[in-house]
Amino acid sequence: MYSDILKCSIQNEDANFKGKTKPFTHTILGQTPFMAGAIEPMMYVGIKLTLKDGTVLPIYVSKKKALLNSDMYLSDLKETKSSLLKIQERIG
């Protein structure tokens, strides 16, 4: 139920850790290039829902891992923002 949601946020999970650890414990900050000259990290974009009882529910929007600021990443981020707004409207 939406009334059980304490907070929600957009997260970029490091692709190396998806499914291997608790959801969204290894995240990557987005929006700016990681390091000039270095290999950019691959990630999955999603929404982290934290329930009032402390449970974390992941909603992965990315179907495939994406490179920061790539077309795929930006598309996934746009879809994620839209979904987050809908959730936030319902939880008030």
PDB file of N, CA and C in Angstrom:
ATOM      1  N   MET A   1       0.831  -1.185   0.000  1.00  0.00           N
ATOM      2  CA  MET A   1       0.000   0.000   0.000  1.00  0.00           C
ATOM      3  C   MET A   1       0.877   1.251   0.000  1.00  0.00           C
ATOM      4  N   TYR A   2       0.386   2.258  -0.650  1.00  0.00           N
ATOM      5  CA  TYR A   2       1.140   3.515  -0.716  1.00  0.00           C
ATOM      6  C   TYR A   2       1.332   4.131   0.666  1.00  0.00           C
ATOM      7  N   SER A   3       0.401   3.903   1.573  1.00  0.00           N
ATOM      8  CA  SER A   3       0.515   4.475   2.920  1.00  0.00           C
ATOM      9  C   SER A   3       1.678   3.866   3.710  1.00  0.00           C
ATOM     10  N   ASP A   4       2.215   2.742   3.243  1.00  0.00           N
ATOM     11  CA  ASP A   4       3.349   2.095   3.917  1.00  0.00           C
ATOM     12  C   ASP A   4       4.696   2.681   3.506  1.00  0.00           C
ATOM     13  N   ILE A   5       4.714   3.539   2.480  1.00  0.00           N
ATOM     14  CA  ILE A   5       5.972   4.081   1.967  1.00  0.00           C
ATOM     15  C   ILE A   5       6.415   5.267   2.815  1.00  0.00           C
ATOM     16  N   LEU A   6       7.631   5.171   3.337  1.00  0.00           N
ATOM     17  CA  LEU A   6       8.222   6.249   4.126  1.00  0.00           C
ATOM     18  C   LEU A   6       8.918   7.254   3.213  1.00  0.00           C
ATOM     19  N   LYS A   7       9.722   6.752   2.258  1.00  0.00           N
ATOM     20  CA  LYS A   7      10.413   7.633   1.319  1.00  0.00           C
ATOM     21  C   LYS A   7      10.746   6.861   0.052  1.00  0.00           C
ATOM     22  N   CYS A   8      11.007   7.624  -1.003  1.00  0.00           N
ATOM     23  CA  CYS A   8      11.382   7.018  -2.276  1.00  0.00           C
ATOM     24  C   CYS A   8      12.366   7.931  -2.983  1.00  0.00           C
ATOM     25  N   SER A   9      13.291   7.328  -3.737  1.00  0.00           N
ATOM     26  CA  SER A   9      14.302   8.112  -4.428  1.00  0.00           C
ATOM     27  C   SER A   9      14.816   7.361  -5.651  1.00  0.00           C
ATOM     28  N   ILE A  10      15.344   8.123  -6.595  1.00  0.00           N
ATOM     29  CA  ILE A  10      15.973   7.531  -7.774  1.00  0.00           C
ATOM     30  C   ILE A  10      17.385   7.118  -7.395  1.00  0.00           C
ATOM     31  N   GLN A  11      17.751   5.913  -7.807  1.00  0.00           N
ATOM     32  CA  GLN A  11      19.079   5.389  -7.500  1.00  0.00           C
ATOM     33  C   GLN A  11      19.704   4.796  -8.760  1.00  0.00           C
ATOM     34  N   ASN A  12      21.019   4.864  -8.843  1.00  0.00           N
ATOM     35  CA  ASN A  12      21.799   4.221  -9.908  1.00  0.00           C
ATOM     36  C   ASN A  12      22.621   3.125  -9.238  1.00  0.00           C
ATOM     37  N   GLU A  13      22.212   1.873  -9.444  1.00  0.00           N
ATOM     38  CA  GLU A  13      22.942   0.780  -8.801  1.00  0.00           C
ATOM     39  C   GLU A  13      24.075   0.295  -9.691  1.00  0.00           C
ATOM     40  N   ASP A  14      25.245   0.157  -9.100  1.00  0.00           N
ATOM     41  CA  ASP A  14      26.410  -0.361  -9.800  1.00  0.00           C
ATOM     42  C   ASP A  14      26.063  -1.743 -10.357  1.00  0.00           C
ATOM     43  N   ALA A  15      26.228  -1.920 -11.664  1.00  0.00           N
ATOM     44  CA  ALA A  15      25.850  -3.179 -12.322  1.00  0.00           C
ATOM     45  C   ALA A  15      26.614  -4.374 -11.764  1.00  0.00           C
ATOM     46  N   ASN A  16      27.807  -4.157 -11.218  1.00  0.00           N
ATOM     47  CA  ASN A  16      28.599  -5.254 -10.656  1.00  0.00           C
ATOM     48  C   ASN A  16      27.966  -5.855  -9.406  1.00  0.00           C
ATOM     49  N   PHE A  17      27.039  -5.137  -8.779  1.00  0.00           N
ATOM     50  CA  PHE A  17      26.477  -5.597  -7.511  1.00  0.00           C
ATOM     51  C   PHE A  17      24.993  -5.954  -7.579  1.00  0.00           C
ATOM     52  N   LYS A  18      24.325  -5.664  -8.696  1.00  0.00           N
ATOM     53  CA  LYS A  18      22.887  -5.937  -8.803  1.00  0.00           C
ATOM     54  C   LYS A  18      22.633  -7.431  -8.630  1.00  0.00           C
ATOM     55  N   GLY A  19      21.775  -7.754  -7.687  1.00  0.00           N
ATOM     56  CA  GLY A  19      21.431  -9.142  -7.414  1.00  0.00           C
ATOM     57  C   GLY A  19      22.413  -9.867  -6.516  1.00  0.00           C
ATOM     58  N   LYS A  20      23.500  -9.217  -6.151  1.00  0.00           N
ATOM     59  CA  LYS A  20      24.520  -9.856  -5.315  1.00  0.00           C
ATOM     60  C   LYS A  20      24.512  -9.334  -3.881  1.00  0.00           C
ATOM     61  N   THR A  21      23.945  -8.153  -3.686  1.00  0.00           N
ATOM     62  CA  THR A  21      23.854  -7.552  -2.356  1.00  0.00           C
ATOM     63  C   THR A  21      22.443  -6.991  -2.186  1.00  0.00           C
ATOM     64  N   LYS A  22      22.173  -6.414  -1.020  1.00  0.00           N
ATOM     65  CA  LYS A  22      20.876  -5.773  -0.816  1.00  0.00           C
ATOM     66  C   LYS A  22      20.692  -4.694  -1.875  1.00  0.00           C
ATOM     67  N   PRO A  23      19.462  -4.522  -2.376  1.00  0.00           N
ATOM     68  CA  PRO A  23      19.218  -3.531  -3.430  1.00  0.00           C
ATOM     69  C   PRO A  23      19.662  -2.115  -3.048  1.00  0.00           C
ATOM     70  N   PHE A  24      20.333  -1.479  -3.974  1.00  0.00           N
ATOM     71  CA  PHE A  24      20.760  -0.082  -3.880  1.00  0.00           C
ATOM     72  C   PHE A  24      21.699   0.210  -2.707  1.00  0.00           C
ATOM     73  N   THR A  25      22.535  -0.769  -2.345  1.00  0.00           N
ATOM     74  CA  THR A  25      23.566  -0.487  -1.347  1.00  0.00           C
ATOM     75  C   THR A  25      24.866  -0.042  -2.014  1.00  0.00           C
ATOM     76  N   HIS A  26      25.027  -0.343  -3.300  1.00  0.00           N
ATOM     77  CA  HIS A  26      26.196   0.092  -4.074  1.00  0.00           C
ATOM     78  C   HIS A  26      25.689   0.981  -5.198  1.00  0.00           C
ATOM     79  N   THR A  27      25.622   2.262  -4.916  1.00  0.00           N
ATOM     80  CA  THR A  27      25.067   3.200  -5.882  1.00  0.00           C
ATOM     81  C   THR A  27      26.146   4.113  -6.457  1.00  0.00           C
ATOM     82  N   ILE A  28      25.809   4.694  -7.600  1.00  0.00           N
ATOM     83  CA  ILE A  28      26.710   5.595  -8.310  1.00  0.00           C
ATOM     84  C   ILE A  28      25.995   6.929  -8.447  1.00  0.00           C
ATOM     85  N   LEU A  29      26.679   8.003  -8.106  1.00  0.00           N
ATOM     86  CA  LEU A  29      26.098   9.321  -8.284  1.00  0.00           C
ATOM     87  C   LEU A  29      26.005   9.613  -9.773  1.00  0.00           C
ATOM     88  N   GLY A  30      24.903  10.190 -10.200  1.00  0.00           N
ATOM     89  CA  GLY A  30      24.704  10.450 -11.618  1.00  0.00           C
ATOM     90  C   GLY A  30      24.906  11.903 -11.970  1.00  0.00           C
ATOM     91  N   GLN A  31      24.586  12.226 -13.201  1.00  0.00           N
ATOM     92  CA  GLN A  31      24.537  13.567 -13.765  1.00  0.00           C
ATOM     93  C   GLN A  31      25.859  14.090 -14.299  1.00  0.00           C
ATOM     94  N   THR A  32      26.989  13.743 -13.730  1.00  0.00           N
ATOM     95  CA  THR A  32      28.257  14.245 -14.255  1.00  0.00           C
ATOM     96  C   THR A  32      29.159  13.066 -14.600  1.00  0.00           C
ATOM     97  N   PRO A  33      30.031  13.229 -15.561  1.00  0.00           N
ATOM     98  CA  PRO A  33      30.946  12.137 -15.906  1.00  0.00           C
ATOM     99  C   PRO A  33      31.738  11.691 -14.688  1.00  0.00           C
ATOM    100  N   PHE A  34      32.007  10.407 -14.625  1.00  0.00           N
ATOM    101  CA  PHE A  34      32.665   9.800 -13.467  1.00  0.00           C
ATOM    102  C   PHE A  34      34.099  10.294 -13.318  1.00  0.00           C
ATOM    103  N   MET A  35      34.932  10.034 -14.289  1.00  0.00           N
ATOM    104  CA  MET A  35      36.318  10.487 -14.271  1.00  0.00           C
ATOM    105  C   MET A  35      36.789  10.615 -15.707  1.00  0.00           C
ATOM    106  N   ALA A  36      37.391  11.723 -16.035  1.00  0.00           N
ATOM    107  CA  ALA A  36      37.907  11.908 -17.390  1.00  0.00           C
ATOM    108  C   ALA A  36      39.007  10.886 -17.662  1.00  0.00           C
ATOM    109  N   GLY A  37      38.885  10.193 -18.764  1.00  0.00           N
ATOM    110  CA  GLY A  37      39.919   9.228 -19.138  1.00  0.00           C
ATOM    111  C   GLY A  37      39.738   7.855 -18.523  1.00  0.00           C
ATOM    112  N   ALA A  38      38.862   7.712 -17.564  1.00  0.00           N
ATOM    113  CA  ALA A  38      38.634   6.411 -16.926  1.00  0.00           C
ATOM    114  C   ALA A  38      37.419   5.741 -17.554  1.00  0.00           C
ATOM    115  N   ILE A  39      37.311   4.461 -17.338  1.00  0.00           N
ATOM    116  CA  ILE A  39      36.155   3.731 -17.841  1.00  0.00           C
ATOM    117  C   ILE A  39      34.945   4.106 -16.991  1.00  0.00           C
ATOM    118  N   GLU A  40      33.882   4.518 -17.668  1.00  0.00           N
ATOM    119  CA  GLU A  40      32.655   4.900 -16.966  1.00  0.00           C
ATOM    120  C   GLU A  40      31.987   3.663 -16.381  1.00  0.00           C
ATOM    121  N   PRO A  41      31.363   3.789 -15.222  1.00  0.00           N
ATOM    122  CA  PRO A  41      30.689   2.636 -14.616  1.00  0.00           C
ATOM    123  C   PRO A  41      29.370   2.316 -15.323  1.00  0.00           C
ATOM    124  N   MET A  42      29.018   1.049 -15.297  1.00  0.00           N
ATOM    125  CA  MET A  42      27.732   0.596 -15.821  1.00  0.00           C
ATOM    126  C   MET A  42      26.773   0.503 -14.641  1.00  0.00           C
ATOM    127  N   MET A  43      25.484   0.799 -14.903  1.00  0.00           N
ATOM    128  CA  MET A  43      24.538   0.832 -13.797  1.00  0.00           C
ATOM    129  C   MET A  43      23.135   0.472 -14.260  1.00  0.00           C
ATOM    130  N   TYR A  44      22.287   0.228 -13.282  1.00  0.00           N
ATOM    131  CA  TYR A  44      20.861   0.045 -13.486  1.00  0.00           C
ATOM    132  C   TYR A  44      20.154   1.185 -12.772  1.00  0.00           C
ATOM    133  N   VAL A  45      19.216   1.833 -13.444  1.00  0.00           N
ATOM    134  CA  VAL A  45      18.473   2.947 -12.867  1.00  0.00           C
ATOM    135  C   VAL A  45      17.173   2.406 -12.281  1.00  0.00           C
ATOM    136  N   GLY A  46      16.820   2.911 -11.111  1.00  0.00           N
ATOM    137  CA  GLY A  46      15.576   2.462 -10.496  1.00  0.00           C
ATOM    138  C   GLY A  46      15.126   3.365  -9.375  1.00  0.00           C
ATOM    139  N   ILE A  47      14.100   2.910  -8.704  1.00  0.00           N
ATOM    140  CA  ILE A  47      13.534   3.641  -7.567  1.00  0.00           C
ATOM    141  C   ILE A  47      13.698   2.788  -6.323  1.00  0.00           C
ATOM    142  N   LYS A  48      14.211   3.410  -5.290  1.00  0.00           N
ATOM    143  CA  LYS A  48      14.353   2.752  -3.997  1.00  0.00           C
ATOM    144  C   LYS A  48      13.194   3.201  -3.120  1.00  0.00           C
ATOM    145  N   LEU A  49      12.334   2.259  -2.773  1.00  0.00           N
ATOM    146  CA  LEU A  49      11.228   2.544  -1.856  1.00  0.00           C
ATOM    147  C   LEU A  49      11.622   2.043  -0.475  1.00  0.00           C
ATOM    148  N   THR A  50      11.543   2.898   0.510  1.00  0.00           N
ATOM    149  CA  THR A  50      11.785   2.497   1.894  1.00  0.00           C
ATOM    150  C   THR A  50      10.445   2.550   2.617  1.00  0.00           C
ATOM    151  N   LEU A  51      10.064   1.418   3.159  1.00  0.00           N
ATOM    152  CA  LEU A  51       8.789   1.335   3.864  1.00  0.00           C
ATOM    153  C   LEU A  51       8.954   1.746   5.317  1.00  0.00           C
ATOM    154  N   LYS A  52       7.854   2.029   5.970  1.00  0.00           N
ATOM    155  CA  LYS A  52       7.877   2.480   7.363  1.00  0.00           C
ATOM    156  C   LYS A  52       8.486   1.444   8.298  1.00  0.00           C
ATOM    157  N   ASP A  53       8.426   0.153   7.910  1.00  0.00           N
ATOM    158  CA  ASP A  53       9.013  -0.897   8.758  1.00  0.00           C
ATOM    159  C   ASP A  53      10.495  -1.121   8.454  1.00  0.00           C
ATOM    160  N   GLY A  54      11.077  -0.297   7.559  1.00  0.00           N
ATOM    161  CA  GLY A  54      12.494  -0.397   7.233  1.00  0.00           C
ATOM    162  C   GLY A  54      12.804  -1.267   6.029  1.00  0.00           C
ATOM    163  N   THR A  55      11.826  -1.954   5.499  1.00  0.00           N
ATOM    164  CA  THR A  55      12.018  -2.783   4.315  1.00  0.00           C
ATOM    165  C   THR A  55      12.333  -1.901   3.105  1.00  0.00           C
ATOM    166  N   VAL A  56      13.283  -2.352   2.291  1.00  0.00           N
ATOM    167  CA  VAL A  56      13.626  -1.643   1.059  1.00  0.00           C
ATOM    168  C   VAL A  56      13.094  -2.449  -0.118  1.00  0.00           C
ATOM    169  N   LEU A  57      12.316  -1.794  -0.960  1.00  0.00           N
ATOM    170  CA  LEU A  57      11.785  -2.422  -2.162  1.00  0.00           C
ATOM    171  C   LEU A  57      12.398  -1.746  -3.380  1.00  0.00           C
ATOM    172  N   PRO A  58      13.087  -2.507  -4.219  1.00  0.00           N
ATOM    173  CA  PRO A  58      13.665  -1.922  -5.428  1.00  0.00           C
ATOM    174  C   PRO A  58      12.687  -2.013  -6.590  1.00  0.00           C
ATOM    175  N   ILE A  59      12.646  -0.971  -7.386  1.00  0.00           N
ATOM    176  CA  ILE A  59      11.919  -0.992  -8.649  1.00  0.00           C
ATOM    177  C   ILE A  59      12.948  -0.648  -9.718  1.00  0.00           C
ATOM    178  N   TYR A  60      13.411  -1.662 -10.426  1.00  0.00           N
ATOM    179  CA  TYR A  60      14.406  -1.428 -11.476  1.00  0.00           C
ATOM    180  C   TYR A  60      13.694  -1.048 -12.767  1.00  0.00           C
ATOM    181  N   VAL A  61      14.020   0.112 -13.299  1.00  0.00           N
ATOM    182  CA  VAL A  61      13.459   0.566 -14.565  1.00  0.00           C
ATOM    183  C   VAL A  61      14.326   0.058 -15.710  1.00  0.00           C
ATOM    184  N   SER A  62      15.627   0.093 -15.527  1.00  0.00           N
ATOM    185  CA  SER A  62      16.550  -0.375 -16.567  1.00  0.00           C
ATOM    186  C   SER A  62      16.381  -1.870 -16.791  1.00  0.00           C
ATOM    187  N   LYS A  63      16.241  -2.247 -18.031  1.00  0.00           N
ATOM    188  CA  LYS A  63      16.177  -3.671 -18.395  1.00  0.00           C
ATOM    189  C   LYS A  63      17.577  -4.221 -18.629  1.00  0.00           C
ATOM    190  N   LYS A  64      18.490  -3.321 -19.062  1.00  0.00           N
ATOM    191  CA  LYS A  64      19.884  -3.672 -19.302  1.00  0.00           C
ATOM    192  C   LYS A  64      20.752  -2.645 -18.601  1.00  0.00           C
ATOM    193  N   LYS A  65      21.979  -3.039 -18.266  1.00  0.00           N
ATOM    194  CA  LYS A  65      22.880  -2.072 -17.648  1.00  0.00           C
ATOM    195  C   LYS A  65      23.207  -0.978 -18.649  1.00  0.00           C
ATOM    196  N   ALA A  66      23.346   0.230 -18.120  1.00  0.00           N
ATOM    197  CA  ALA A  66      23.548   1.401 -18.977  1.00  0.00           C
ATOM    198  C   ALA A  66      24.774   2.187 -18.522  1.00  0.00           C
ATOM    199  N   LEU A  67      25.400   2.833 -19.468  1.00  0.00           N
ATOM    200  CA  LEU A  67      26.542   3.698 -19.212  1.00  0.00           C
ATOM    201  C   LEU A  67      26.030   5.087 -18.853  1.00  0.00           C
ATOM    202  N   LEU A  68      26.622   5.709 -17.852  1.00  0.00           N
ATOM    203  CA  LEU A  68      26.219   7.033 -17.403  1.00  0.00           C
ATOM    204  C   LEU A  68      26.142   8.004 -18.576  1.00  0.00           C
ATOM    205  N   ASN A  69      25.036   8.735 -18.649  1.00  0.00           N
ATOM    206  CA  ASN A  69      24.778   9.749 -19.669  1.00  0.00           C
ATOM    207  C   ASN A  69      24.658   9.215 -21.098  1.00  0.00           C
ATOM    208  N   SER A  70      24.551   7.895 -21.258  1.00  0.00           N
ATOM    209  CA  SER A  70      24.303   7.330 -22.587  1.00  0.00           C
ATOM    210  C   SER A  70      22.827   7.538 -22.925  1.00  0.00           C
ATOM    211  N   ASP A  71      22.469   7.328 -24.174  1.00  0.00           N
ATOM    212  CA  ASP A  71      21.064   7.459 -24.571  1.00  0.00           C
ATOM    213  C   ASP A  71      20.177   6.513 -23.765  1.00  0.00           C
ATOM    214  N   MET A  72      20.656   5.288 -23.560  1.00  0.00           N
ATOM    215  CA  MET A  72      19.877   4.315 -22.792  1.00  0.00           C
ATOM    216  C   MET A  72      19.683   4.794 -21.349  1.00  0.00           C
ATOM    217  N   TYR A  73      20.758   5.288 -20.742  1.00  0.00           N
ATOM    218  CA  TYR A  73      20.680   5.796 -19.369  1.00  0.00           C
ATOM    219  C   TYR A  73      19.690   6.954 -19.282  1.00  0.00           C
ATOM    220  N   LEU A  74      19.811   7.913 -20.192  1.00  0.00           N
ATOM    221  CA  LEU A  74      18.935   9.087 -20.161  1.00  0.00           C
ATOM    222  C   LEU A  74      17.475   8.708 -20.381  1.00  0.00           C
ATOM    223  N   SER A  75      17.227   7.731 -21.240  1.00  0.00           N
ATOM    224  CA  SER A  75      15.868   7.233 -21.455  1.00  0.00           C
ATOM    225  C   SER A  75      15.329   6.565 -20.190  1.00  0.00           C
ATOM    226  N   ASP A  76      16.146   5.715 -19.568  1.00  0.00           N
ATOM    227  CA  ASP A  76      15.743   5.049 -18.325  1.00  0.00           C
ATOM    228  C   ASP A  76      15.501   6.070 -17.215  1.00  0.00           C
ATOM    229  N   LEU A  77      16.348   7.085 -17.146  1.00  0.00           N
ATOM    230  CA  LEU A  77      16.213   8.118 -16.118  1.00  0.00           C
ATOM    231  C   LEU A  77      14.920   8.901 -16.311  1.00  0.00           C
ATOM    232  N   LYS A  78      14.584   9.220 -17.550  1.00  0.00           N
ATOM    233  CA  LYS A  78      13.338   9.940 -17.841  1.00  0.00           C
ATOM    234  C   LYS A  78      12.127   9.112 -17.398  1.00  0.00           C
ATOM    235  N   GLU A  79      12.135   7.827 -17.726  1.00  0.00           N
ATOM    236  CA  GLU A  79      11.036   6.940 -17.329  1.00  0.00           C
ATOM    237  C   GLU A  79      10.966   6.808 -15.805  1.00  0.00           C
ATOM    238  N   THR A  80      12.124   6.745 -15.165  1.00  0.00           N
ATOM    239  CA  THR A  80      12.185   6.621 -13.710  1.00  0.00           C
ATOM    240  C   THR A  80      11.624   7.867 -13.034  1.00  0.00           C
ATOM    241  N   LYS A  81      11.986   9.044 -13.539  1.00  0.00           N
ATOM    242  CA  LYS A  81      11.466  10.293 -12.976  1.00  0.00           C
ATOM    243  C   LYS A  81       9.946  10.362 -13.089  1.00  0.00           C
ATOM    244  N   SER A  82       9.419   9.939 -14.220  1.00  0.00           N
ATOM    245  CA  SER A  82       7.977   9.923 -14.423  1.00  0.00           C
ATOM    246  C   SER A  82       7.292   8.989 -13.428  1.00  0.00           C
ATOM    247  N   SER A  83       7.859   7.811 -13.244  1.00  0.00           N
ATOM    248  CA  SER A  83       7.300   6.840 -12.291  1.00  0.00           C
ATOM    249  C   SER A  83       7.370   7.362 -10.861  1.00  0.00           C
ATOM    250  N   LEU A  84       8.501   7.990 -10.515  1.00  0.00           N
ATOM    251  CA  LEU A  84       8.673   8.527  -9.166  1.00  0.00           C
ATOM    252  C   LEU A  84       7.623   9.602  -8.874  1.00  0.00           C
ATOM    253  N   LEU A  85       7.368  10.465  -9.836  1.00  0.00           N
ATOM    254  CA  LEU A  85       6.353  11.509  -9.645  1.00  0.00           C
ATOM    255  C   LEU A  85       4.971  10.908  -9.375  1.00  0.00           C
ATOM    256  N   LYS A  86       4.636   9.845 -10.086  1.00  0.00           N
ATOM    257  CA  LYS A  86       3.353   9.178  -9.874  1.00  0.00           C
ATOM    258  C   LYS A  86       3.260   8.590  -8.473  1.00  0.00           C
ATOM    259  N   ILE A  87       4.351   7.986  -8.010  1.00  0.00           N
ATOM    260  CA  ILE A  87       4.378   7.422  -6.647  1.00  0.00           C
ATOM    261  C   ILE A  87       4.245   8.532  -5.630  1.00  0.00           C
ATOM    262  N   GLN A  88       5.005   9.621  -5.808  1.00  0.00           N
ATOM    263  CA  GLN A  88       4.979  10.732  -4.857  1.00  0.00           C
ATOM    264  C   GLN A  88       3.585  11.376  -4.786  1.00  0.00           C
ATOM    265  N   GLU A  89       2.878  11.445  -5.904  1.00  0.00           N
ATOM    266  CA  GLU A  89       1.517  11.990  -5.904  1.00  0.00           C
ATOM    267  C   GLU A  89       0.597  11.135  -5.036  1.00  0.00           C
ATOM    268  N   ARG A  90       0.805   9.833  -5.077  1.00  0.00           N
ATOM    269  CA  ARG A  90      -0.081   8.920  -4.334  1.00  0.00           C
ATOM    270  C   ARG A  90       0.237   8.887  -2.832  1.00  0.00           C
ATOM    271  N   ILE A  91       1.520   9.095  -2.484  1.00  0.00           N
ATOM    272  CA  ILE A  91       1.857   9.051  -1.057  1.00  0.00           C
ATOM    273  C   ILE A  91       1.725  10.414  -0.391  1.00  0.00           C
ATOM    274  N   GLY A  92       1.556  11.460  -1.227  1.00  0.00           N
ATOM    275  CA  GLY A  92       1.299  12.808  -0.711  1.00  0.00           C
ATOM    276  C   GLY A  92       2.464  13.357  -0.051  1.00  0.00           C
TER     277      GLY A  92
END
